[in-house]
């Protein structure tokens, strides 16, 4: 499964990276057939979120390492090295830019962006 990662480089700027989250066929909910699943990911908590059309979050780091799983709408995210990417429903982003300038986030769709933040325990 392909995911996007926002991480901080040695110089303190945030960058996008693409990574693969390995999935393997495993019995997950017998007697249903096996599903392609990842290894379990320890999490502290989950937060559901809604961002209205036009919402804009100026430069900010993520408050903690967390997965962002988008279920609706379209976002535009800029990292501090200048790269901009758009994300739609189904996007999974691992946010690791807990230091530095961080990133900006803008809702660019006419519909709200709904998402789940899966917050990870401190490393």
N, C-alpha and C. Protein backbone atom coordinates (compact mmCIF):
# COMPACT_ATOMS: atom_id res chain seq x y z
N UNK A 1 0.86 -1.16 0.00
CA UNK A 1 0.00 0.00 0.00
C UNK A 1 0.90 1.22 0.00
N UNK A 2 0.70 2.12 -0.95
CA UNK A 2 1.53 3.32 -1.09
C UNK A 2 0.99 4.41 -0.18
N UNK A 3 1.88 5.04 0.63
CA UNK A 3 1.50 6.15 1.48
C UNK A 3 2.48 7.30 1.27
N UNK A 4 2.07 8.49 1.69
CA UNK A 4 2.92 9.67 1.67
C UNK A 4 3.40 9.92 3.09
N UNK A 5 4.64 10.36 3.22
CA UNK A 5 5.21 10.71 4.52
C UNK A 5 5.67 12.16 4.45
N UNK A 6 5.35 12.94 5.48
CA UNK A 6 5.91 14.29 5.61
C UNK A 6 6.89 14.21 6.77
N UNK A 7 8.18 14.42 6.45
CA UNK A 7 9.22 14.32 7.49
C UNK A 7 10.12 15.54 7.45
N UNK A 8 10.89 15.70 8.50
CA UNK A 8 11.82 16.82 8.61
C UNK A 8 13.21 16.33 8.28
N UNK A 9 13.91 17.05 7.40
CA UNK A 9 15.28 16.73 7.05
C UNK A 9 16.25 17.33 8.05
N UNK A 10 17.53 17.03 7.88
CA UNK A 10 18.56 17.51 8.79
C UNK A 10 18.61 19.03 8.88
N UNK A 11 18.26 19.71 7.78
CA UNK A 11 18.30 21.17 7.77
C UNK A 11 17.07 21.81 8.40
N UNK A 12 16.09 20.99 8.84
CA UNK A 12 14.90 21.49 9.51
C UNK A 12 13.71 21.75 8.60
N UNK A 13 13.87 21.59 7.27
CA UNK A 13 12.75 21.76 6.35
C UNK A 13 11.95 20.47 6.26
N UNK A 14 10.65 20.62 6.04
CA UNK A 14 9.80 19.44 5.85
C UNK A 14 9.82 19.04 4.38
N UNK A 15 9.67 17.73 4.13
CA UNK A 15 9.72 17.17 2.79
C UNK A 15 8.66 16.08 2.65
N UNK A 16 8.16 15.90 1.42
CA UNK A 16 7.32 14.75 1.11
C UNK A 16 8.22 13.58 0.75
N UNK A 17 7.80 12.39 1.10
CA UNK A 17 8.43 11.16 0.66
C UNK A 17 7.31 10.15 0.39
N UNK A 18 7.55 9.23 -0.51
CA UNK A 18 6.59 8.17 -0.79
C UNK A 18 7.16 6.88 -0.22
N UNK A 19 6.30 6.10 0.41
CA UNK A 19 6.75 4.88 1.07
C UNK A 19 5.71 3.79 0.85
N UNK A 20 6.15 2.57 1.01
CA UNK A 20 5.23 1.43 0.92
C UNK A 20 4.98 0.87 2.30
N UNK A 21 3.72 0.67 2.64
CA UNK A 21 3.32 0.01 3.87
C UNK A 21 3.03 -1.44 3.48
N UNK A 22 3.88 -2.39 3.91
CA UNK A 22 3.71 -3.77 3.47
C UNK A 22 2.40 -4.38 3.97
N UNK A 23 1.74 -5.11 3.10
CA UNK A 23 0.51 -5.83 3.43
C UNK A 23 0.71 -7.30 3.09
N UNK A 24 0.16 -8.17 3.91
CA UNK A 24 0.20 -9.61 3.62
C UNK A 24 -1.17 -10.20 3.87
N UNK A 25 -1.49 -11.24 3.12
CA UNK A 25 -2.79 -11.91 3.28
C UNK A 25 -2.77 -12.66 4.61
N UNK A 26 -3.76 -12.37 5.45
CA UNK A 26 -3.88 -13.01 6.76
C UNK A 26 -5.34 -13.20 7.09
N UNK A 27 -5.64 -14.27 7.87
CA UNK A 27 -7.01 -14.37 8.37
C UNK A 27 -7.25 -13.22 9.34
N UNK A 28 -8.23 -12.40 9.06
CA UNK A 28 -8.46 -11.22 9.87
C UNK A 28 -9.80 -11.28 10.59
N UNK A 29 -10.81 -11.80 9.90
CA UNK A 29 -12.16 -11.89 10.47
C UNK A 29 -12.80 -13.21 10.04
N UNK A 30 -12.20 -14.36 10.44
CA UNK A 30 -12.77 -15.64 10.04
C UNK A 30 -14.24 -15.72 10.42
N UNK A 31 -15.07 -16.34 9.63
CA UNK A 31 -14.71 -17.20 8.51
C UNK A 31 -14.58 -16.47 7.18
N UNK A 32 -14.55 -15.14 7.19
CA UNK A 32 -14.32 -14.40 5.93
C UNK A 32 -12.95 -14.77 5.39
N UNK A 33 -12.77 -14.71 4.07
CA UNK A 33 -11.46 -15.03 3.50
C UNK A 33 -10.38 -14.08 4.03
N UNK A 34 -9.10 -14.48 3.93
CA UNK A 34 -8.02 -13.61 4.38
C UNK A 34 -8.06 -12.25 3.68
N UNK A 35 -7.57 -11.25 4.39
CA UNK A 35 -7.45 -9.89 3.86
C UNK A 35 -5.98 -9.52 3.77
N UNK A 36 -5.65 -8.59 2.87
CA UNK A 36 -4.32 -8.01 2.83
C UNK A 36 -4.28 -6.97 3.96
N UNK A 37 -3.45 -7.21 4.99
CA UNK A 37 -3.37 -6.30 6.14
C UNK A 37 -1.91 -6.01 6.48
N UNK A 38 -1.70 -4.88 7.16
CA UNK A 38 -0.37 -4.52 7.65
C UNK A 38 -0.15 -5.19 9.00
N UNK A 39 1.09 -5.11 9.46
CA UNK A 39 1.34 -5.48 10.85
C UNK A 39 0.60 -4.47 11.71
N UNK A 40 0.21 -4.86 12.93
CA UNK A 40 -0.48 -3.90 13.81
C UNK A 40 0.40 -2.67 14.07
N UNK A 41 -0.24 -1.52 14.14
CA UNK A 41 0.43 -0.26 14.40
C UNK A 41 -0.03 0.23 15.78
N UNK A 42 0.87 0.29 16.75
CA UNK A 42 0.46 0.79 18.07
C UNK A 42 -0.03 2.24 17.94
N UNK A 43 -1.14 2.55 18.59
CA UNK A 43 -1.69 3.90 18.53
C UNK A 43 -2.14 4.33 19.93
N UNK A 44 -2.00 5.63 20.20
CA UNK A 44 -2.48 6.18 21.46
C UNK A 44 -3.97 6.48 21.41
N UNK A 45 -4.42 7.06 20.29
CA UNK A 45 -5.83 7.42 20.16
C UNK A 45 -6.14 7.78 18.72
N UNK A 46 -7.42 7.80 18.41
CA UNK A 46 -7.90 8.22 17.10
C UNK A 46 -8.78 9.44 17.25
N UNK A 47 -8.69 10.35 16.28
CA UNK A 47 -9.48 11.59 16.30
C UNK A 47 -10.15 11.74 14.94
N UNK A 48 -11.47 11.92 14.93
CA UNK A 48 -12.19 12.22 13.70
C UNK A 48 -12.17 13.72 13.48
N UNK A 49 -12.10 14.15 12.22
CA UNK A 49 -11.93 15.57 11.92
C UNK A 49 -12.78 15.97 10.71
N UNK A 50 -13.22 17.22 10.72
CA UNK A 50 -13.92 17.80 9.57
C UNK A 50 -13.37 19.20 9.34
N UNK A 51 -12.95 19.48 8.10
CA UNK A 51 -12.45 20.80 7.73
C UNK A 51 -13.38 21.37 6.65
N UNK A 52 -13.92 22.54 6.91
CA UNK A 52 -14.89 23.16 6.01
C UNK A 52 -14.23 23.64 4.72
N UNK A 53 -15.01 23.75 3.63
CA UNK A 53 -14.47 24.31 2.40
C UNK A 53 -13.81 25.67 2.67
N UNK A 54 -12.62 25.88 2.11
CA UNK A 54 -11.90 27.14 2.30
C UNK A 54 -11.04 27.19 3.55
N UNK A 55 -11.13 26.17 4.42
CA UNK A 55 -10.32 26.16 5.65
C UNK A 55 -8.84 26.19 5.27
N UNK A 56 -8.06 26.99 6.02
CA UNK A 56 -6.63 27.10 5.77
C UNK A 56 -5.88 27.07 7.08
N UNK A 57 -4.90 26.18 7.18
CA UNK A 57 -4.00 26.12 8.33
C UNK A 57 -2.64 26.60 7.88
N UNK A 58 -2.26 27.81 8.32
CA UNK A 58 -0.96 28.38 7.95
C UNK A 58 0.16 27.51 8.53
N UNK A 59 1.40 27.85 8.33
CA UNK A 59 2.54 27.03 8.71
C UNK A 59 2.41 26.51 10.13
N UNK A 60 2.52 25.18 10.27
CA UNK A 60 2.43 24.53 11.58
C UNK A 60 3.07 23.15 11.50
N UNK A 61 3.75 22.72 12.57
CA UNK A 61 4.19 21.33 12.62
C UNK A 61 3.03 20.46 13.11
N UNK A 62 3.12 19.17 12.89
CA UNK A 62 2.12 18.27 13.42
C UNK A 62 2.31 18.17 14.94
N UNK A 63 1.24 18.09 15.72
CA UNK A 63 1.40 18.07 17.18
C UNK A 63 2.02 16.78 17.72
N UNK A 64 1.97 15.71 16.92
CA UNK A 64 2.56 14.43 17.29
C UNK A 64 2.68 13.60 16.03
N UNK A 65 3.48 12.52 16.08
CA UNK A 65 3.51 11.60 14.93
C UNK A 65 2.12 11.01 14.80
N UNK A 66 1.58 11.05 13.59
CA UNK A 66 0.22 10.54 13.39
C UNK A 66 -0.02 10.22 11.93
N UNK A 67 -0.91 9.23 11.73
CA UNK A 67 -1.40 8.94 10.39
C UNK A 67 -2.63 9.80 10.16
N UNK A 68 -2.76 10.31 8.94
CA UNK A 68 -3.93 11.07 8.49
C UNK A 68 -4.58 10.23 7.41
N UNK A 69 -5.82 9.81 7.62
CA UNK A 69 -6.55 8.99 6.66
C UNK A 69 -7.75 9.81 6.19
N UNK A 70 -7.71 10.25 4.93
CA UNK A 70 -8.72 11.14 4.38
C UNK A 70 -9.87 10.34 3.79
N UNK A 71 -11.11 10.73 4.17
CA UNK A 71 -12.27 9.99 3.68
C UNK A 71 -13.14 10.78 2.71
N UNK A 72 -12.95 12.11 2.62
CA UNK A 72 -13.72 12.91 1.65
C UNK A 72 -13.00 14.22 1.38
N UNK A 73 -13.43 14.90 0.30
CA UNK A 73 -12.90 16.21 -0.03
C UNK A 73 -11.51 16.17 -0.65
N UNK A 74 -10.95 17.38 -0.85
CA UNK A 74 -9.62 17.51 -1.44
C UNK A 74 -8.82 18.57 -0.69
N UNK A 75 -7.59 18.21 -0.36
CA UNK A 75 -6.66 19.10 0.36
C UNK A 75 -5.48 19.45 -0.53
N UNK A 76 -4.90 20.62 -0.27
CA UNK A 76 -3.62 20.99 -0.85
C UNK A 76 -2.67 21.23 0.31
N UNK A 77 -1.54 20.53 0.31
CA UNK A 77 -0.56 20.63 1.39
C UNK A 77 0.77 21.08 0.80
N UNK A 78 1.38 22.07 1.44
CA UNK A 78 2.71 22.54 1.04
C UNK A 78 3.68 22.27 2.18
N UNK A 79 4.83 21.68 1.86
CA UNK A 79 5.89 21.49 2.84
C UNK A 79 6.89 22.63 2.71
N UNK A 80 7.76 22.77 3.71
CA UNK A 80 8.61 23.97 3.74
C UNK A 80 9.70 24.00 2.68
N UNK A 81 9.95 22.87 1.99
CA UNK A 81 10.91 22.94 0.87
C UNK A 81 10.25 23.47 -0.40
N UNK A 82 8.94 23.80 -0.32
CA UNK A 82 8.22 24.41 -1.44
C UNK A 82 7.33 23.47 -2.23
N UNK A 83 7.48 22.15 -2.08
CA UNK A 83 6.66 21.20 -2.84
C UNK A 83 5.22 21.26 -2.35
N UNK A 84 4.29 21.15 -3.30
CA UNK A 84 2.85 21.15 -3.02
C UNK A 84 2.25 19.87 -3.58
N UNK A 85 1.40 19.22 -2.79
CA UNK A 85 0.67 18.04 -3.26
C UNK A 85 -0.79 18.18 -2.90
N UNK A 86 -1.63 17.51 -3.70
CA UNK A 86 -3.06 17.45 -3.42
C UNK A 86 -3.43 16.04 -3.00
N UNK A 87 -4.36 15.96 -2.03
CA UNK A 87 -4.81 14.68 -1.50
C UNK A 87 -6.33 14.60 -1.57
N UNK A 88 -6.82 13.42 -1.94
CA UNK A 88 -8.25 13.17 -2.06
C UNK A 88 -8.64 11.99 -1.17
N UNK A 89 -9.92 11.70 -1.14
CA UNK A 89 -10.42 10.58 -0.35
C UNK A 89 -9.60 9.33 -0.65
N UNK A 90 -9.21 8.63 0.41
CA UNK A 90 -8.40 7.44 0.28
C UNK A 90 -6.92 7.68 0.56
N UNK A 91 -6.50 8.94 0.64
CA UNK A 91 -5.10 9.25 0.92
C UNK A 91 -4.74 8.86 2.35
N UNK A 92 -3.53 8.34 2.50
CA UNK A 92 -2.97 8.04 3.82
C UNK A 92 -1.63 8.77 3.89
N UNK A 93 -1.48 9.62 4.91
CA UNK A 93 -0.26 10.40 5.08
C UNK A 93 0.26 10.18 6.50
N UNK A 94 1.54 9.83 6.61
CA UNK A 94 2.19 9.74 7.91
C UNK A 94 2.87 11.08 8.18
N UNK A 95 2.38 11.78 9.19
CA UNK A 95 2.92 13.09 9.55
C UNK A 95 3.99 12.91 10.61
N UNK A 96 5.22 13.30 10.26
CA UNK A 96 6.36 13.18 11.18
C UNK A 96 7.05 14.52 11.40
N UNK A 97 6.52 15.60 10.85
CA UNK A 97 7.18 16.91 10.95
C UNK A 97 6.79 17.62 12.25
N UNK A 98 7.21 17.03 13.38
CA UNK A 98 6.87 17.56 14.70
C UNK A 98 7.75 18.74 15.11
N UNK A 99 8.79 19.03 14.33
CA UNK A 99 9.66 20.17 14.60
C UNK A 99 9.80 20.98 13.33
N UNK A 100 10.40 22.14 13.44
CA UNK A 100 10.63 22.98 12.27
C UNK A 100 9.38 23.77 11.90
N UNK A 101 9.39 24.29 10.69
CA UNK A 101 8.30 25.15 10.20
C UNK A 101 7.02 24.35 9.95
N UNK A 102 7.16 23.09 9.58
CA UNK A 102 5.99 22.26 9.34
C UNK A 102 5.47 22.38 7.92
N UNK A 103 4.16 22.52 7.79
CA UNK A 103 3.48 22.52 6.50
C UNK A 103 2.24 23.40 6.57
N UNK A 104 1.67 23.72 5.40
CA UNK A 104 0.37 24.40 5.35
C UNK A 104 -0.65 23.41 4.81
N UNK A 105 -1.90 23.65 5.16
CA UNK A 105 -2.99 22.78 4.72
C UNK A 105 -4.16 23.65 4.28
N UNK A 106 -4.72 23.36 3.10
CA UNK A 106 -5.84 24.14 2.58
C UNK A 106 -6.88 23.20 1.98
N UNK A 107 -8.14 23.40 2.35
CA UNK A 107 -9.23 22.65 1.72
C UNK A 107 -9.54 23.33 0.39
N UNK A 108 -9.40 22.60 -0.72
CA UNK A 108 -9.62 23.18 -2.04
C UNK A 108 -10.89 22.67 -2.70
N UNK A 109 -11.58 21.75 -2.05
CA UNK A 109 -12.82 21.21 -2.62
C UNK A 109 -14.03 22.02 -2.13
N UNK A 110 -15.14 21.89 -2.86
CA UNK A 110 -16.39 22.53 -2.46
C UNK A 110 -17.05 21.77 -1.31
N UNK A 111 -16.57 20.57 -1.04
CA UNK A 111 -17.08 19.75 0.06
C UNK A 111 -16.08 19.76 1.20
N UNK A 112 -16.55 19.49 2.43
CA UNK A 112 -15.60 19.41 3.55
C UNK A 112 -14.64 18.24 3.38
N UNK A 113 -13.52 18.34 4.04
CA UNK A 113 -12.58 17.22 4.14
C UNK A 113 -12.87 16.52 5.46
N UNK A 114 -13.21 15.25 5.38
CA UNK A 114 -13.37 14.42 6.58
C UNK A 114 -12.17 13.50 6.65
N UNK A 115 -11.69 13.28 7.87
CA UNK A 115 -10.50 12.46 8.04
C UNK A 115 -10.44 11.88 9.44
N UNK A 116 -9.55 10.92 9.58
CA UNK A 116 -9.24 10.32 10.87
C UNK A 116 -7.75 10.52 11.10
N UNK A 117 -7.39 11.04 12.27
CA UNK A 117 -6.01 11.11 12.70
C UNK A 117 -5.78 9.95 13.66
N UNK A 118 -4.82 9.11 13.35
CA UNK A 118 -4.44 8.00 14.21
C UNK A 118 -3.12 8.39 14.87
N UNK A 119 -3.19 8.83 16.13
CA UNK A 119 -2.02 9.39 16.81
C UNK A 119 -1.17 8.27 17.41
N UNK A 120 0.13 8.35 17.13
CA UNK A 120 1.07 7.30 17.51
C UNK A 120 1.74 7.62 18.85
N UNK A 121 2.13 6.59 19.60
CA UNK A 121 2.82 6.85 20.87
C UNK A 121 4.18 7.49 20.61
N UNK A 122 4.70 8.25 21.59
CA UNK A 122 6.03 8.85 21.41
C UNK A 122 7.07 7.77 21.21
N UNK A 123 8.08 8.09 20.41
CA UNK A 123 9.17 7.13 20.14
C UNK A 123 10.19 7.15 21.25
